Amino acid sequence: MKNTFLPILVLLMVSCGKTKEVSSLNKVNWQKREARVNPGDSLASGMSYLSIYSEIYSLDEHETHDLTATVSLRNINPQDTIYINSAAYYNTHGARIRSYFDKPIFIAPLETVEIIIDKVDKEGGTGANFLFDWSTPLQAAQPHFEAVMISTSGQQGISFTTQGVKVE
């Protein structure tokens, strides 16, 4: 019994020490998308708000389900590249949690870029949100922002979507 207890104890200690990396924070992917926007370019600009749920209430106010969110940044223009200048993530209380990139990124025509809020990333809470600052060529359509939240537990599955709105 002693011989089997020690390896199990060591295994438990090692597995508890590992922390899961939050996948959406991979800065290498954002650096590949850096855009060079010239100050003289004629661009329209705006800001959009997108609600996100990293957890939702279940049964009562004391029990929640953790969710994975896929945040889609979509360029709906068939010919024009658009630019996302910032993507800031806020928690339920309006406190900024993180920004995803420091310089503008490009999204090619009809391309979708995604930010994943992992199920283990509960910092946002039940009222998390994003603010996106963006720029487009003057005649181009504004970007479309959408989120899909999903969770499975046993035989139960939860999924729903939210859509961004332009902040006027």
N, C-alpha and C. Protein backbone atom coordinates (compact mmCIF):
# COMPACT_ATOMS: atom_id res chain seq x y z
N MET A 1 0.83 -1.19 0.00
CA MET A 1 0.00 0.00 0.00
C MET A 1 0.87 1.25 0.00
N LYS A 2 1.96 1.23 0.81
CA LYS A 2 2.86 2.36 0.86
C LYS A 2 3.46 2.65 -0.50
N ASN A 3 3.79 1.61 -1.24
CA ASN A 3 4.44 1.76 -2.54
C ASN A 3 3.52 2.42 -3.57
N THR A 4 2.24 2.25 -3.46
CA THR A 4 1.32 2.87 -4.42
C THR A 4 0.87 4.25 -3.97
N PHE A 5 0.88 4.52 -2.70
CA PHE A 5 0.42 5.81 -2.19
C PHE A 5 1.34 6.96 -2.59
N LEU A 6 2.65 6.75 -2.48
CA LEU A 6 3.62 7.80 -2.77
C LEU A 6 3.56 8.26 -4.23
N PRO A 7 3.56 7.36 -5.23
CA PRO A 7 3.47 7.82 -6.63
C PRO A 7 2.16 8.58 -6.91
N ILE A 8 1.08 8.15 -6.31
CA ILE A 8 -0.21 8.84 -6.51
C ILE A 8 -0.15 10.24 -5.90
N LEU A 9 0.43 10.35 -4.72
CA LEU A 9 0.58 11.65 -4.08
C LEU A 9 1.44 12.59 -4.92
N VAL A 10 2.54 12.10 -5.44
CA VAL A 10 3.43 12.92 -6.29
C VAL A 10 2.69 13.34 -7.56
N LEU A 11 1.97 12.44 -8.17
CA LEU A 11 1.20 12.74 -9.38
C LEU A 11 0.16 13.83 -9.11
N LEU A 12 -0.54 13.74 -8.00
CA LEU A 12 -1.53 14.76 -7.64
C LEU A 12 -0.88 16.11 -7.41
N MET A 13 0.26 16.15 -6.76
CA MET A 13 0.95 17.41 -6.49
C MET A 13 1.42 18.06 -7.79
N VAL A 14 1.96 17.27 -8.71
CA VAL A 14 2.45 17.80 -9.98
C VAL A 14 1.28 18.31 -10.82
N SER A 15 0.19 17.56 -10.89
CA SER A 15 -0.94 17.97 -11.72
C SER A 15 -1.63 19.21 -11.15
N CYS A 16 -1.63 19.40 -9.84
CA CYS A 16 -2.23 20.58 -9.24
C CYS A 16 -1.39 21.82 -9.48
N GLY A 17 -0.11 21.65 -9.69
CA GLY A 17 0.78 22.79 -9.87
C GLY A 17 0.71 23.40 -11.27
N LYS A 18 0.16 22.70 -12.25
CA LYS A 18 0.10 23.21 -13.60
C LYS A 18 -1.06 24.18 -13.73
N THR A 19 -0.80 25.32 -14.38
CA THR A 19 -1.87 26.26 -14.66
C THR A 19 -2.13 26.25 -16.15
N LYS A 20 -3.39 26.30 -16.51
CA LYS A 20 -3.77 26.27 -17.91
C LYS A 20 -3.56 27.64 -18.51
N GLU A 21 -2.88 27.68 -19.65
CA GLU A 21 -2.66 28.93 -20.35
C GLU A 21 -3.97 29.38 -21.00
N VAL A 22 -4.27 30.64 -20.90
CA VAL A 22 -5.47 31.18 -21.54
C VAL A 22 -5.14 31.40 -23.00
N SER A 23 -5.78 30.65 -23.89
CA SER A 23 -5.39 30.60 -25.29
C SER A 23 -5.58 31.91 -26.03
N SER A 24 -6.53 32.74 -25.64
CA SER A 24 -6.80 33.95 -26.40
C SER A 24 -5.74 35.03 -26.21
N LEU A 25 -4.77 34.81 -25.36
CA LEU A 25 -3.76 35.82 -25.10
C LEU A 25 -2.49 35.63 -25.92
N ASN A 26 -2.54 34.82 -26.97
CA ASN A 26 -1.37 34.54 -27.78
C ASN A 26 -1.00 35.78 -28.60
N LYS A 27 -0.03 36.55 -28.12
CA LYS A 27 0.36 37.81 -28.77
C LYS A 27 1.00 37.60 -30.14
N VAL A 28 1.57 36.45 -30.41
CA VAL A 28 2.19 36.21 -31.70
C VAL A 28 1.16 36.35 -32.82
N ASN A 29 -0.04 35.83 -32.61
CA ASN A 29 -1.08 35.93 -33.62
C ASN A 29 -1.44 37.38 -33.90
N TRP A 30 -1.49 38.22 -32.88
CA TRP A 30 -1.84 39.63 -33.08
C TRP A 30 -0.72 40.36 -33.79
N GLN A 31 0.53 40.04 -33.49
CA GLN A 31 1.66 40.71 -34.15
C GLN A 31 1.66 40.44 -35.65
N LYS A 32 1.23 39.26 -36.07
CA LYS A 32 1.16 38.93 -37.50
C LYS A 32 0.12 39.79 -38.22
N ARG A 33 -0.85 40.32 -37.49
CA ARG A 33 -1.94 41.08 -38.08
C ARG A 33 -1.74 42.59 -38.00
N GLU A 34 -0.60 43.03 -37.47
CA GLU A 34 -0.37 44.47 -37.32
C GLU A 34 -0.55 45.19 -38.65
N ALA A 35 -1.26 46.32 -38.60
CA ALA A 35 -1.54 47.11 -39.80
C ALA A 35 -0.78 48.42 -39.73
N ARG A 36 -0.36 48.87 -40.86
CA ARG A 36 0.26 50.19 -40.97
C ARG A 36 -0.78 51.12 -41.58
N VAL A 37 -1.39 51.94 -40.74
CA VAL A 37 -2.40 52.88 -41.19
C VAL A 37 -1.73 54.25 -41.29
N ASN A 38 -1.78 54.83 -42.46
CA ASN A 38 -1.17 56.14 -42.68
C ASN A 38 -2.08 57.24 -42.16
N PRO A 39 -1.54 58.23 -41.46
CA PRO A 39 -2.35 59.32 -40.93
C PRO A 39 -3.13 60.06 -42.02
N GLY A 40 -2.62 60.06 -43.25
CA GLY A 40 -3.29 60.76 -44.35
C GLY A 40 -4.43 59.97 -44.98
N ASP A 41 -4.59 58.68 -44.62
CA ASP A 41 -5.67 57.86 -45.20
C ASP A 41 -7.03 58.41 -44.79
N SER A 42 -7.96 58.42 -45.72
CA SER A 42 -9.33 58.85 -45.42
C SER A 42 -10.10 57.66 -44.88
N LEU A 43 -10.30 57.65 -43.58
CA LEU A 43 -10.97 56.53 -42.93
C LEU A 43 -12.11 57.04 -42.06
N ALA A 44 -13.18 56.27 -42.03
CA ALA A 44 -14.26 56.50 -41.07
C ALA A 44 -13.91 55.70 -39.83
N SER A 45 -14.33 56.17 -38.68
CA SER A 45 -14.02 55.43 -37.47
C SER A 45 -15.25 55.31 -36.60
N GLY A 46 -15.20 54.36 -35.68
CA GLY A 46 -16.31 54.16 -34.77
C GLY A 46 -15.92 53.26 -33.63
N MET A 47 -16.89 53.02 -32.76
CA MET A 47 -16.69 52.14 -31.61
C MET A 47 -17.92 51.24 -31.50
N SER A 48 -17.70 49.98 -31.18
CA SER A 48 -18.79 49.03 -31.01
C SER A 48 -18.67 48.32 -29.67
N TYR A 49 -19.83 48.01 -29.10
CA TYR A 49 -19.96 47.32 -27.81
C TYR A 49 -20.49 45.92 -28.07
N LEU A 50 -19.91 44.93 -27.40
CA LEU A 50 -20.37 43.54 -27.52
C LEU A 50 -20.43 42.92 -26.13
N SER A 51 -21.62 42.43 -25.75
CA SER A 51 -21.75 41.75 -24.45
C SER A 51 -21.25 40.32 -24.56
N ILE A 52 -20.61 39.87 -23.49
CA ILE A 52 -20.01 38.53 -23.39
C ILE A 52 -20.41 37.95 -22.04
N TYR A 53 -20.59 36.67 -22.00
CA TYR A 53 -20.89 35.99 -20.73
C TYR A 53 -19.84 34.90 -20.52
N SER A 54 -18.95 35.09 -19.54
CA SER A 54 -18.00 34.02 -19.23
C SER A 54 -18.60 33.05 -18.22
N GLU A 55 -19.72 33.46 -17.62
CA GLU A 55 -20.51 32.57 -16.77
C GLU A 55 -21.95 33.11 -16.73
N ILE A 56 -22.90 32.21 -16.49
CA ILE A 56 -24.30 32.61 -16.34
C ILE A 56 -24.88 31.95 -15.10
N TYR A 57 -25.90 32.58 -14.57
CA TYR A 57 -26.55 32.04 -13.36
C TYR A 57 -27.37 30.80 -13.69
N SER A 58 -27.41 29.90 -12.72
CA SER A 58 -28.18 28.66 -12.86
C SER A 58 -28.83 28.35 -11.51
N LEU A 59 -30.08 28.08 -11.51
CA LEU A 59 -30.88 27.76 -10.33
C LEU A 59 -31.12 28.98 -9.44
N ASP A 60 -30.04 29.66 -9.03
CA ASP A 60 -30.19 30.86 -8.20
C ASP A 60 -28.97 31.74 -8.37
N GLU A 61 -28.89 32.81 -7.62
CA GLU A 61 -27.80 33.77 -7.76
C GLU A 61 -26.46 33.28 -7.22
N HIS A 62 -26.44 32.11 -6.60
CA HIS A 62 -25.21 31.60 -6.00
C HIS A 62 -24.55 30.50 -6.83
N GLU A 63 -25.22 30.02 -7.87
CA GLU A 63 -24.67 28.95 -8.69
C GLU A 63 -24.58 29.41 -10.14
N THR A 64 -23.41 29.19 -10.74
CA THR A 64 -23.20 29.61 -12.12
C THR A 64 -22.65 28.47 -12.96
N HIS A 65 -22.83 28.61 -14.26
CA HIS A 65 -22.20 27.72 -15.25
C HIS A 65 -21.12 28.52 -15.96
N ASP A 66 -19.93 27.93 -16.09
CA ASP A 66 -18.84 28.57 -16.82
C ASP A 66 -19.06 28.35 -18.31
N LEU A 67 -18.72 29.35 -19.11
CA LEU A 67 -18.94 29.29 -20.55
C LEU A 67 -17.64 29.57 -21.32
N THR A 68 -17.54 29.01 -22.51
CA THR A 68 -16.51 29.38 -23.46
C THR A 68 -17.16 30.34 -24.44
N ALA A 69 -16.50 31.46 -24.73
CA ALA A 69 -17.04 32.43 -25.68
C ALA A 69 -16.11 32.53 -26.89
N THR A 70 -16.71 32.48 -28.07
CA THR A 70 -15.99 32.76 -29.31
C THR A 70 -16.44 34.13 -29.77
N VAL A 71 -15.52 35.07 -29.79
CA VAL A 71 -15.81 36.44 -30.20
C VAL A 71 -15.33 36.59 -31.63
N SER A 72 -16.27 36.89 -32.55
CA SER A 72 -15.95 37.03 -33.97
C SER A 72 -15.88 38.49 -34.36
N LEU A 73 -14.77 38.87 -34.97
CA LEU A 73 -14.59 40.20 -35.54
C LEU A 73 -14.65 39.98 -37.05
N ARG A 74 -15.71 40.44 -37.68
CA ARG A 74 -15.97 40.10 -39.08
C ARG A 74 -15.91 41.31 -40.00
N ASN A 75 -15.20 41.16 -41.09
CA ASN A 75 -15.20 42.17 -42.14
C ASN A 75 -16.22 41.73 -43.18
N ILE A 76 -17.32 42.44 -43.30
CA ILE A 76 -18.38 42.04 -44.23
C ILE A 76 -18.22 42.69 -45.60
N ASN A 77 -17.11 43.39 -45.82
CA ASN A 77 -16.84 44.02 -47.11
C ASN A 77 -16.17 43.05 -48.07
N PRO A 78 -16.69 42.91 -49.29
CA PRO A 78 -16.08 41.98 -50.24
C PRO A 78 -14.78 42.50 -50.87
N GLN A 79 -14.49 43.82 -50.73
CA GLN A 79 -13.29 44.35 -51.39
C GLN A 79 -12.37 45.16 -50.49
N ASP A 80 -12.87 45.70 -49.39
CA ASP A 80 -12.08 46.61 -48.56
C ASP A 80 -11.55 45.94 -47.29
N THR A 81 -10.30 46.22 -46.99
CA THR A 81 -9.70 45.82 -45.71
C THR A 81 -10.15 46.82 -44.65
N ILE A 82 -10.42 46.34 -43.46
CA ILE A 82 -10.79 47.21 -42.35
C ILE A 82 -9.75 47.07 -41.24
N TYR A 83 -9.84 47.96 -40.25
CA TYR A 83 -8.84 47.98 -39.18
C TYR A 83 -9.53 48.00 -37.83
N ILE A 84 -9.02 47.19 -36.93
CA ILE A 84 -9.48 47.21 -35.54
C ILE A 84 -8.33 47.83 -34.74
N ASN A 85 -8.59 49.00 -34.17
CA ASN A 85 -7.54 49.74 -33.48
C ASN A 85 -7.32 49.24 -32.06
N SER A 86 -8.39 48.74 -31.44
CA SER A 86 -8.24 48.18 -30.09
C SER A 86 -9.41 47.24 -29.81
N ALA A 87 -9.14 46.27 -28.95
CA ALA A 87 -10.15 45.33 -28.46
C ALA A 87 -9.93 45.23 -26.95
N ALA A 88 -10.77 45.91 -26.19
CA ALA A 88 -10.63 45.96 -24.74
C ALA A 88 -11.73 45.12 -24.09
N TYR A 89 -11.34 44.29 -23.16
CA TYR A 89 -12.25 43.37 -22.46
C TYR A 89 -12.50 43.89 -21.06
N TYR A 90 -13.77 44.00 -20.66
CA TYR A 90 -14.18 44.54 -19.36
C TYR A 90 -14.98 43.50 -18.59
N ASN A 91 -14.92 43.61 -17.26
CA ASN A 91 -15.69 42.67 -16.43
C ASN A 91 -17.07 43.23 -16.10
N THR A 92 -17.83 42.51 -15.33
CA THR A 92 -19.19 42.87 -14.93
C THR A 92 -19.27 44.26 -14.30
N HIS A 93 -18.22 44.65 -13.60
CA HIS A 93 -18.23 45.92 -12.87
C HIS A 93 -17.66 47.08 -13.70
N GLY A 94 -17.34 46.82 -14.97
CA GLY A 94 -16.83 47.87 -15.84
C GLY A 94 -15.34 48.10 -15.74
N ALA A 95 -14.64 47.25 -15.01
CA ALA A 95 -13.18 47.37 -14.89
C ALA A 95 -12.52 46.69 -16.08
N ARG A 96 -11.56 47.35 -16.67
CA ARG A 96 -10.84 46.79 -17.81
C ARG A 96 -10.00 45.61 -17.35
N ILE A 97 -10.19 44.47 -17.99
CA ILE A 97 -9.42 43.27 -17.66
C ILE A 97 -8.15 43.22 -18.49
N ARG A 98 -8.29 43.42 -19.79
CA ARG A 98 -7.13 43.35 -20.68
C ARG A 98 -7.44 43.96 -22.03
N SER A 99 -6.38 44.30 -22.73
CA SER A 99 -6.45 44.70 -24.14
C SER A 99 -5.74 43.61 -24.92
N TYR A 100 -6.23 43.33 -26.10
CA TYR A 100 -5.67 42.21 -26.86
C TYR A 100 -4.52 42.59 -27.78
N PHE A 101 -4.41 43.85 -28.18
CA PHE A 101 -3.28 44.28 -29.00
C PHE A 101 -3.06 45.77 -28.79
N ASP A 102 -1.80 46.20 -29.04
CA ASP A 102 -1.41 47.58 -28.78
C ASP A 102 -1.41 48.45 -30.04
N LYS A 103 -1.39 47.81 -31.19
CA LYS A 103 -1.36 48.53 -32.47
C LYS A 103 -2.53 48.04 -33.32
N PRO A 104 -2.99 48.86 -34.27
CA PRO A 104 -4.11 48.43 -35.11
C PRO A 104 -3.80 47.12 -35.84
N ILE A 105 -4.84 46.31 -36.02
CA ILE A 105 -4.72 45.09 -36.82
C ILE A 105 -5.62 45.23 -38.04
N PHE A 106 -5.34 44.46 -39.07
CA PHE A 106 -6.18 44.47 -40.27
C PHE A 106 -7.05 43.22 -40.31
N ILE A 107 -8.19 43.37 -40.96
CA ILE A 107 -9.03 42.22 -41.28
C ILE A 107 -9.32 42.32 -42.77
N ALA A 108 -8.86 41.35 -43.52
CA ALA A 108 -9.00 41.33 -44.98
C ALA A 108 -10.47 41.21 -45.39
N PRO A 109 -10.79 41.51 -46.65
CA PRO A 109 -12.17 41.38 -47.11
C PRO A 109 -12.76 40.00 -46.82
N LEU A 110 -13.94 39.99 -46.23
CA LEU A 110 -14.72 38.79 -45.88
C LEU A 110 -14.03 37.86 -44.88
N GLU A 111 -13.00 38.34 -44.22
CA GLU A 111 -12.27 37.54 -43.24
C GLU A 111 -12.90 37.69 -41.86
N THR A 112 -12.74 36.66 -41.04
CA THR A 112 -13.16 36.68 -39.64
C THR A 112 -11.95 36.40 -38.77
N VAL A 113 -11.78 37.22 -37.74
CA VAL A 113 -10.73 37.03 -36.75
C VAL A 113 -11.44 36.73 -35.43
N GLU A 114 -10.91 35.80 -34.65
CA GLU A 114 -11.59 35.38 -33.43
C GLU A 114 -10.75 35.58 -32.18
N ILE A 115 -11.45 35.89 -31.11
CA ILE A 115 -10.88 35.91 -29.77
C ILE A 115 -11.64 34.86 -28.98
N ILE A 116 -10.93 33.98 -28.31
CA ILE A 116 -11.57 32.93 -27.52
C ILE A 116 -11.41 33.27 -26.05
N ILE A 117 -12.53 33.30 -25.33
CA ILE A 117 -12.51 33.43 -23.88
C ILE A 117 -12.72 32.02 -23.33
N ASP A 118 -11.65 31.43 -22.85
CA ASP A 118 -11.68 30.04 -22.38
C ASP A 118 -12.66 29.86 -21.22
N LYS A 119 -13.17 28.66 -21.10
CA LYS A 119 -14.10 28.33 -20.01
C LYS A 119 -13.48 28.59 -18.64
N VAL A 120 -12.18 28.40 -18.51
CA VAL A 120 -11.50 28.60 -17.22
C VAL A 120 -11.25 30.08 -16.92
N ASP A 121 -11.44 30.94 -17.91
CA ASP A 121 -11.21 32.38 -17.75
C ASP A 121 -12.53 33.03 -17.31
N LYS A 122 -12.72 33.12 -15.99
CA LYS A 122 -13.98 33.64 -15.44
C LYS A 122 -13.88 35.08 -14.99
N GLU A 123 -12.80 35.77 -15.34
CA GLU A 123 -12.60 37.14 -14.89
C GLU A 123 -13.72 38.08 -15.32
N GLY A 124 -14.30 37.85 -16.47
CA GLY A 124 -15.34 38.73 -16.99
C GLY A 124 -16.63 38.67 -16.21
N GLY A 125 -16.99 37.50 -15.75
CA GLY A 125 -18.22 37.33 -14.98
C GLY A 125 -19.47 37.30 -15.85
N THR A 126 -20.59 37.56 -15.22
CA THR A 126 -21.89 37.45 -15.89
C THR A 126 -22.21 38.66 -16.76
N GLY A 127 -21.48 39.72 -16.63
CA GLY A 127 -21.77 40.93 -17.41
C GLY A 127 -20.56 41.46 -18.15
N ALA A 128 -19.69 40.58 -18.62
CA ALA A 128 -18.48 41.00 -19.33
C ALA A 128 -18.84 41.64 -20.67
N ASN A 129 -17.91 42.42 -21.19
CA ASN A 129 -18.14 43.04 -22.49
C ASN A 129 -16.84 43.47 -23.14
N PHE A 130 -16.94 43.74 -24.43
CA PHE A 130 -15.83 44.26 -25.22
C PHE A 130 -16.20 45.63 -25.76
N LEU A 131 -15.20 46.47 -25.89
CA LEU A 131 -15.31 47.70 -26.67
C LEU A 131 -14.27 47.59 -27.78
N PHE A 132 -14.74 47.74 -29.02
CA PHE A 132 -13.87 47.70 -30.18
C PHE A 132 -13.81 49.08 -30.80
N ASP A 133 -12.61 49.59 -31.01
CA ASP A 133 -12.41 50.84 -31.73
C ASP A 133 -11.94 50.44 -33.12
N TRP A 134 -12.58 50.94 -34.19
CA TRP A 134 -12.30 50.47 -35.53
C TRP A 134 -12.26 51.61 -36.53
N SER A 135 -11.66 51.32 -37.69
CA SER A 135 -11.59 52.26 -38.81
C SER A 135 -11.84 51.50 -40.10
N THR A 136 -12.52 52.16 -41.04
CA THR A 136 -12.82 51.57 -42.34
C THR A 136 -12.60 52.62 -43.43
N PRO A 137 -12.36 52.18 -44.66
CA PRO A 137 -12.39 53.15 -45.76
C PRO A 137 -13.76 53.85 -45.76
N LEU A 138 -13.81 55.08 -46.27
CA LEU A 138 -15.02 55.91 -46.15
C LEU A 138 -16.30 55.24 -46.63
N GLN A 139 -16.28 54.52 -47.73
CA GLN A 139 -17.51 53.91 -48.28
C GLN A 139 -17.73 52.47 -47.83
N ALA A 140 -16.87 51.95 -46.98
CA ALA A 140 -16.97 50.55 -46.56
C ALA A 140 -17.97 50.40 -45.41
N ALA A 141 -18.53 49.21 -45.31
CA ALA A 141 -19.43 48.88 -44.20
C ALA A 141 -18.62 48.73 -42.92
N GLN A 142 -19.26 49.04 -41.79
CA GLN A 142 -18.59 48.86 -40.50
C GLN A 142 -18.43 47.38 -40.20
N PRO A 143 -17.48 47.02 -39.34
CA PRO A 143 -17.30 45.61 -38.97
C PRO A 143 -18.51 45.06 -38.23
N HIS A 144 -18.64 43.76 -38.27
CA HIS A 144 -19.72 43.07 -37.56
C HIS A 144 -19.08 42.27 -36.43
N PHE A 145 -19.57 42.49 -35.21
CA PHE A 145 -19.04 41.80 -34.03
C PHE A 145 -20.12 40.89 -33.47
N GLU A 146 -19.74 39.66 -33.18
CA GLU A 146 -20.70 38.66 -32.70
C GLU A 146 -19.98 37.73 -31.73
N ALA A 147 -20.72 37.18 -30.78
CA ALA A 147 -20.15 36.21 -29.85
C ALA A 147 -21.07 35.01 -29.73
N VAL A 148 -20.46 33.84 -29.60
CA VAL A 148 -21.19 32.60 -29.35
C VAL A 148 -20.66 32.05 -28.04
N MET A 149 -21.57 31.85 -27.09
CA MET A 149 -21.20 31.28 -25.80
C MET A 149 -21.73 29.85 -25.75
N ILE A 150 -20.92 28.94 -25.19
CA ILE A 150 -21.32 27.53 -25.16
C ILE A 150 -20.76 26.86 -23.91
N SER A 151 -21.51 25.87 -23.41
CA SER A 151 -21.06 25.05 -22.30
C SER A 151 -21.78 23.72 -22.35
N THR A 152 -21.09 22.69 -21.94
CA THR A 152 -21.73 21.39 -21.80
C THR A 152 -21.37 20.81 -20.44
N SER A 153 -22.34 20.15 -19.84
CA SER A 153 -22.13 19.51 -18.56
C SER A 153 -23.02 18.28 -18.53
N GLY A 154 -22.40 17.10 -18.48
CA GLY A 154 -23.19 15.88 -18.54
C GLY A 154 -23.93 15.82 -19.86
N GLN A 155 -25.25 15.72 -19.80
CA GLN A 155 -26.05 15.67 -21.02
C GLN A 155 -26.70 17.02 -21.32
N GLN A 156 -26.37 18.04 -20.55
CA GLN A 156 -26.96 19.36 -20.75
C GLN A 156 -26.00 20.24 -21.56
N GLY A 157 -26.54 20.95 -22.51
CA GLY A 157 -25.75 21.89 -23.30
C GLY A 157 -26.43 23.24 -23.33
N ILE A 158 -25.63 24.28 -23.27
CA ILE A 158 -26.13 25.65 -23.32
C ILE A 158 -25.38 26.36 -24.44
N SER A 159 -26.11 27.07 -25.29
CA SER A 159 -25.45 27.92 -26.29
C SER A 159 -26.36 29.07 -26.65
N PHE A 160 -25.75 30.23 -26.89
CA PHE A 160 -26.49 31.41 -27.32
C PHE A 160 -25.53 32.41 -27.93
N THR A 161 -26.07 33.42 -28.61
CA THR A 161 -25.24 34.40 -29.28
C THR A 161 -25.59 35.82 -28.83
N THR A 162 -24.66 36.73 -29.04
CA THR A 162 -24.89 38.16 -28.85
C THR A 162 -24.30 38.87 -30.06
N GLN A 163 -24.82 40.06 -30.35
CA GLN A 163 -24.31 40.85 -31.47
C GLN A 163 -23.90 42.23 -30.98
N GLY A 164 -22.87 42.76 -31.61
CA GLY A 164 -22.36 44.06 -31.24
C GLY A 164 -23.27 45.18 -31.73
N VAL A 165 -23.19 46.30 -31.04
CA VAL A 165 -23.93 47.50 -31.44
C VAL A 165 -22.95 48.68 -31.49
N LYS A 166 -23.16 49.55 -32.45
CA LYS A 166 -22.30 50.73 -32.58
C LYS A 166 -22.61 51.69 -31.44
N VAL A 167 -21.55 52.22 -30.84
CA VAL A 167 -21.70 53.21 -29.78
C VAL A 167 -21.74 54.57 -30.49
N GLU A 168 -22.83 55.28 -30.32
CA GLU A 168 -23.01 56.56 -31.02
C GLU A 168 -22.40 57.68 -30.24
